[in-house]
Amino acid sequence: MTPSIHTEVQTSRDEGTNFERLLDSFEAASLLRIHPKTLQRMARNGEIAGIQIGRLWRFRASVLNSWLTDKSRAKTS
């Protein structure tokens, strides 16, 4: 019998391999308080790190936070 997806995910967690949940363009843009299309354009232009899966963009909250921190530091320098 093949294990279910839930079991596979649980096994992965037990081995210490956790994946950060990916945010879609709307969720990520909401965090940054910008329009989703603006965020997608920034990702396409390499201004912010994003992962394109087919036509959809996904973002890690930790990467967005790091990007904001770097932008804040650059602005105050």
N, C-alpha and C. Protein backbone atom coordinates (compact mmCIF):
# COMPACT_ATOMS: atom_id res chain seq x y z
N MET A 1 0.84 -1.18 0.00
CA MET A 1 0.00 0.00 0.00
C MET A 1 0.89 1.25 0.00
N THR A 2 0.61 2.20 -0.89
CA THR A 2 1.41 3.42 -0.94
C THR A 2 0.95 4.39 0.13
N PRO A 3 1.91 5.10 0.73
CA PRO A 3 1.54 6.06 1.77
C PRO A 3 0.79 7.24 1.18
N SER A 4 -0.09 7.82 1.97
CA SER A 4 -0.84 8.99 1.51
C SER A 4 0.08 10.20 1.49
N ILE A 5 -0.39 11.25 0.87
CA ILE A 5 0.39 12.49 0.82
C ILE A 5 0.64 12.99 2.23
N HIS A 6 -0.38 12.91 3.08
CA HIS A 6 -0.24 13.37 4.46
C HIS A 6 0.91 12.64 5.14
N THR A 7 1.00 11.34 4.95
CA THR A 7 2.06 10.55 5.56
C THR A 7 3.42 10.97 5.01
N GLU A 8 3.49 11.21 3.70
CA GLU A 8 4.76 11.63 3.11
C GLU A 8 5.20 12.98 3.66
N VAL A 9 4.27 13.90 3.82
CA VAL A 9 4.60 15.21 4.37
C VAL A 9 5.06 15.07 5.80
N GLN A 10 4.36 14.24 6.58
CA GLN A 10 4.73 14.03 7.97
C GLN A 10 6.13 13.42 8.06
N THR A 11 6.44 12.45 7.21
CA THR A 11 7.76 11.84 7.20
C THR A 11 8.81 12.90 6.89
N SER A 12 8.51 13.76 5.93
CA SER A 12 9.44 14.82 5.57
C SER A 12 9.70 15.74 6.76
N ARG A 13 8.68 16.08 7.50
CA ARG A 13 8.84 16.94 8.67
C ARG A 13 9.68 16.25 9.74
N ASP A 14 9.47 14.97 9.91
CA ASP A 14 10.22 14.23 10.91
C ASP A 14 11.71 14.22 10.59
N GLU A 15 12.06 14.27 9.32
CA GLU A 15 13.45 14.26 8.90
C GLU A 15 14.07 15.65 8.95
N GLY A 16 13.31 16.64 9.38
CA GLY A 16 13.84 17.99 9.49
C GLY A 16 13.77 18.80 8.21
N THR A 17 13.07 18.32 7.21
CA THR A 17 12.95 19.03 5.95
C THR A 17 11.61 19.74 5.93
N ASN A 18 11.61 20.98 6.40
CA ASN A 18 10.38 21.76 6.39
C ASN A 18 10.41 22.75 5.25
N PHE A 19 9.28 22.95 4.63
CA PHE A 19 9.17 23.91 3.54
C PHE A 19 8.32 25.08 4.02
N GLU A 20 8.82 26.27 3.75
CA GLU A 20 8.05 27.46 4.07
C GLU A 20 6.90 27.57 3.08
N ARG A 21 5.74 27.89 3.58
CA ARG A 21 4.57 28.05 2.74
C ARG A 21 4.81 29.19 1.75
N LEU A 22 4.47 28.96 0.50
CA LEU A 22 4.62 29.97 -0.53
C LEU A 22 3.37 30.83 -0.60
N LEU A 23 3.56 32.13 -0.74
CA LEU A 23 2.44 33.06 -0.86
C LEU A 23 2.17 33.32 -2.33
N ASP A 24 0.90 33.46 -2.69
CA ASP A 24 0.61 33.84 -4.07
C ASP A 24 0.80 35.35 -4.20
N SER A 25 0.64 35.86 -5.40
CA SER A 25 0.88 37.28 -5.67
C SER A 25 -0.02 38.19 -4.84
N PHE A 26 -1.26 37.78 -4.64
CA PHE A 26 -2.19 38.60 -3.88
C PHE A 26 -1.82 38.67 -2.41
N GLU A 27 -1.44 37.53 -1.83
CA GLU A 27 -1.05 37.49 -0.42
C GLU A 27 0.24 38.28 -0.19
N ALA A 28 1.21 38.06 -1.07
CA ALA A 28 2.51 38.74 -0.93
C ALA A 28 2.36 40.25 -1.13
N ALA A 29 1.59 40.64 -2.14
CA ALA A 29 1.38 42.06 -2.41
C ALA A 29 0.64 42.72 -1.26
N SER A 30 -0.27 42.00 -0.64
CA SER A 30 -1.00 42.52 0.50
C SER A 30 -0.05 42.82 1.67
N LEU A 31 0.91 41.95 1.89
CA LEU A 31 1.89 42.18 2.94
C LEU A 31 2.71 43.44 2.68
N LEU A 32 3.04 43.67 1.41
CA LEU A 32 3.85 44.83 1.03
C LEU A 32 3.00 46.07 0.77
N ARG A 33 1.69 45.89 0.75
CA ARG A 33 0.74 46.97 0.46
C ARG A 33 0.99 47.61 -0.90
N ILE A 34 1.18 46.71 -1.90
CA ILE A 34 1.31 47.14 -3.29
C ILE A 34 0.36 46.30 -4.13
N HIS A 35 0.18 46.66 -5.37
CA HIS A 35 -0.71 45.92 -6.27
C HIS A 35 -0.01 44.62 -6.70
N PRO A 36 -0.75 43.53 -6.82
CA PRO A 36 -0.15 42.25 -7.25
C PRO A 36 0.60 42.35 -8.58
N LYS A 37 0.08 43.12 -9.53
CA LYS A 37 0.75 43.25 -10.83
C LYS A 37 2.10 43.97 -10.67
N THR A 38 2.18 44.92 -9.74
CA THR A 38 3.44 45.60 -9.47
C THR A 38 4.46 44.61 -8.93
N LEU A 39 4.02 43.76 -8.02
CA LEU A 39 4.91 42.74 -7.45
C LEU A 39 5.37 41.76 -8.52
N GLN A 40 4.46 41.33 -9.38
CA GLN A 40 4.83 40.41 -10.46
C GLN A 40 5.84 41.06 -11.41
N ARG A 41 5.64 42.32 -11.72
CA ARG A 41 6.58 43.04 -12.60
C ARG A 41 7.95 43.13 -11.95
N MET A 42 7.97 43.42 -10.64
CA MET A 42 9.24 43.51 -9.92
C MET A 42 9.96 42.16 -9.93
N ALA A 43 9.22 41.08 -9.79
CA ALA A 43 9.81 39.74 -9.82
C ALA A 43 10.35 39.42 -11.22
N ARG A 44 9.58 39.76 -12.23
CA ARG A 44 10.02 39.53 -13.62
C ARG A 44 11.30 40.29 -13.92
N ASN A 45 11.41 41.50 -13.38
CA ASN A 45 12.59 42.35 -13.62
C ASN A 45 13.76 42.03 -12.69
N GLY A 46 13.57 41.08 -11.78
CA GLY A 46 14.64 40.68 -10.89
C GLY A 46 14.84 41.62 -9.70
N GLU A 47 13.90 42.52 -9.47
CA GLU A 47 14.01 43.45 -8.35
C GLU A 47 13.71 42.77 -7.00
N ILE A 48 12.92 41.72 -7.04
CA ILE A 48 12.56 40.98 -5.84
C ILE A 48 12.50 39.50 -6.22
N ALA A 49 12.90 38.64 -5.31
CA ALA A 49 12.95 37.21 -5.61
C ALA A 49 11.55 36.60 -5.59
N GLY A 50 11.23 35.90 -6.62
CA GLY A 50 9.96 35.19 -6.73
C GLY A 50 10.17 33.92 -7.52
N ILE A 51 9.22 33.04 -7.42
CA ILE A 51 9.29 31.77 -8.13
C ILE A 51 8.11 31.71 -9.08
N GLN A 52 8.40 31.58 -10.36
CA GLN A 52 7.32 31.48 -11.33
C GLN A 52 7.06 30.01 -11.62
N ILE A 53 5.82 29.61 -11.39
CA ILE A 53 5.40 28.24 -11.67
C ILE A 53 4.32 28.35 -12.73
N GLY A 54 4.70 28.03 -13.96
CA GLY A 54 3.78 28.25 -15.07
C GLY A 54 3.58 29.74 -15.24
N ARG A 55 2.33 30.18 -15.18
CA ARG A 55 2.02 31.61 -15.30
C ARG A 55 1.88 32.27 -13.93
N LEU A 56 1.93 31.49 -12.87
CA LEU A 56 1.70 32.01 -11.52
C LEU A 56 3.00 32.32 -10.80
N TRP A 57 2.98 33.36 -10.00
CA TRP A 57 4.13 33.73 -9.19
C TRP A 57 3.88 33.34 -7.75
N ARG A 58 4.94 32.88 -7.08
CA ARG A 58 4.89 32.53 -5.66
C ARG A 58 6.06 33.21 -4.96
N PHE A 59 5.84 33.55 -3.69
CA PHE A 59 6.84 34.30 -2.93
C PHE A 59 6.94 33.73 -1.52
N ARG A 60 8.14 33.78 -0.96
CA ARG A 60 8.35 33.38 0.43
C ARG A 60 8.28 34.63 1.30
N ALA A 61 7.54 34.55 2.39
CA ALA A 61 7.41 35.68 3.30
C ALA A 61 8.77 36.08 3.86
N SER A 62 9.63 35.11 4.14
CA SER A 62 10.95 35.42 4.69
C SER A 62 11.80 36.21 3.69
N VAL A 63 11.66 35.91 2.41
CA VAL A 63 12.41 36.64 1.37
C VAL A 63 11.87 38.07 1.26
N LEU A 64 10.55 38.22 1.34
CA LEU A 64 9.96 39.56 1.30
C LEU A 64 10.43 40.39 2.49
N ASN A 65 10.49 39.77 3.66
CA ASN A 65 10.95 40.46 4.86
C ASN A 65 12.41 40.89 4.72
N SER A 66 13.25 40.00 4.22
CA SER A 66 14.67 40.33 4.00
C SER A 66 14.81 41.47 3.00
N TRP A 67 14.02 41.43 1.94
CA TRP A 67 14.05 42.47 0.92
C TRP A 67 13.68 43.82 1.53
N LEU A 68 12.62 43.84 2.35
CA LEU A 68 12.20 45.08 3.01
C LEU A 68 13.29 45.60 3.94
N THR A 69 13.90 44.71 4.69
CA THR A 69 14.97 45.09 5.60
C THR A 69 16.13 45.71 4.83
N ASP A 70 16.52 45.08 3.74
CA ASP A 70 17.62 45.60 2.91
C ASP A 70 17.26 46.97 2.33
N LYS A 71 16.01 47.12 1.87
CA LYS A 71 15.57 48.40 1.33
C LYS A 71 15.59 49.48 2.39
N SER A 72 15.18 49.14 3.61
CA SER A 72 15.18 50.10 4.73
C SER A 72 16.59 50.53 5.08
N ARG A 73 17.51 49.58 5.10
CA ARG A 73 18.91 49.90 5.39
C ARG A 73 19.50 50.81 4.33
N ALA A 74 19.22 50.52 3.07
CA ALA A 74 19.75 51.32 1.96
C ALA A 74 19.19 52.74 2.01
N LYS A 75 17.95 52.87 2.42
CA LYS A 75 17.31 54.18 2.48
C LYS A 75 17.90 55.06 3.59
N THR A 76 18.28 54.41 4.71
CA THR A 76 18.82 55.17 5.83
C THR A 76 20.31 55.45 5.69
N SER A 77 20.96 54.77 4.75
CA SER A 77 22.42 54.99 4.56
C SER A 77 22.71 56.20 3.71
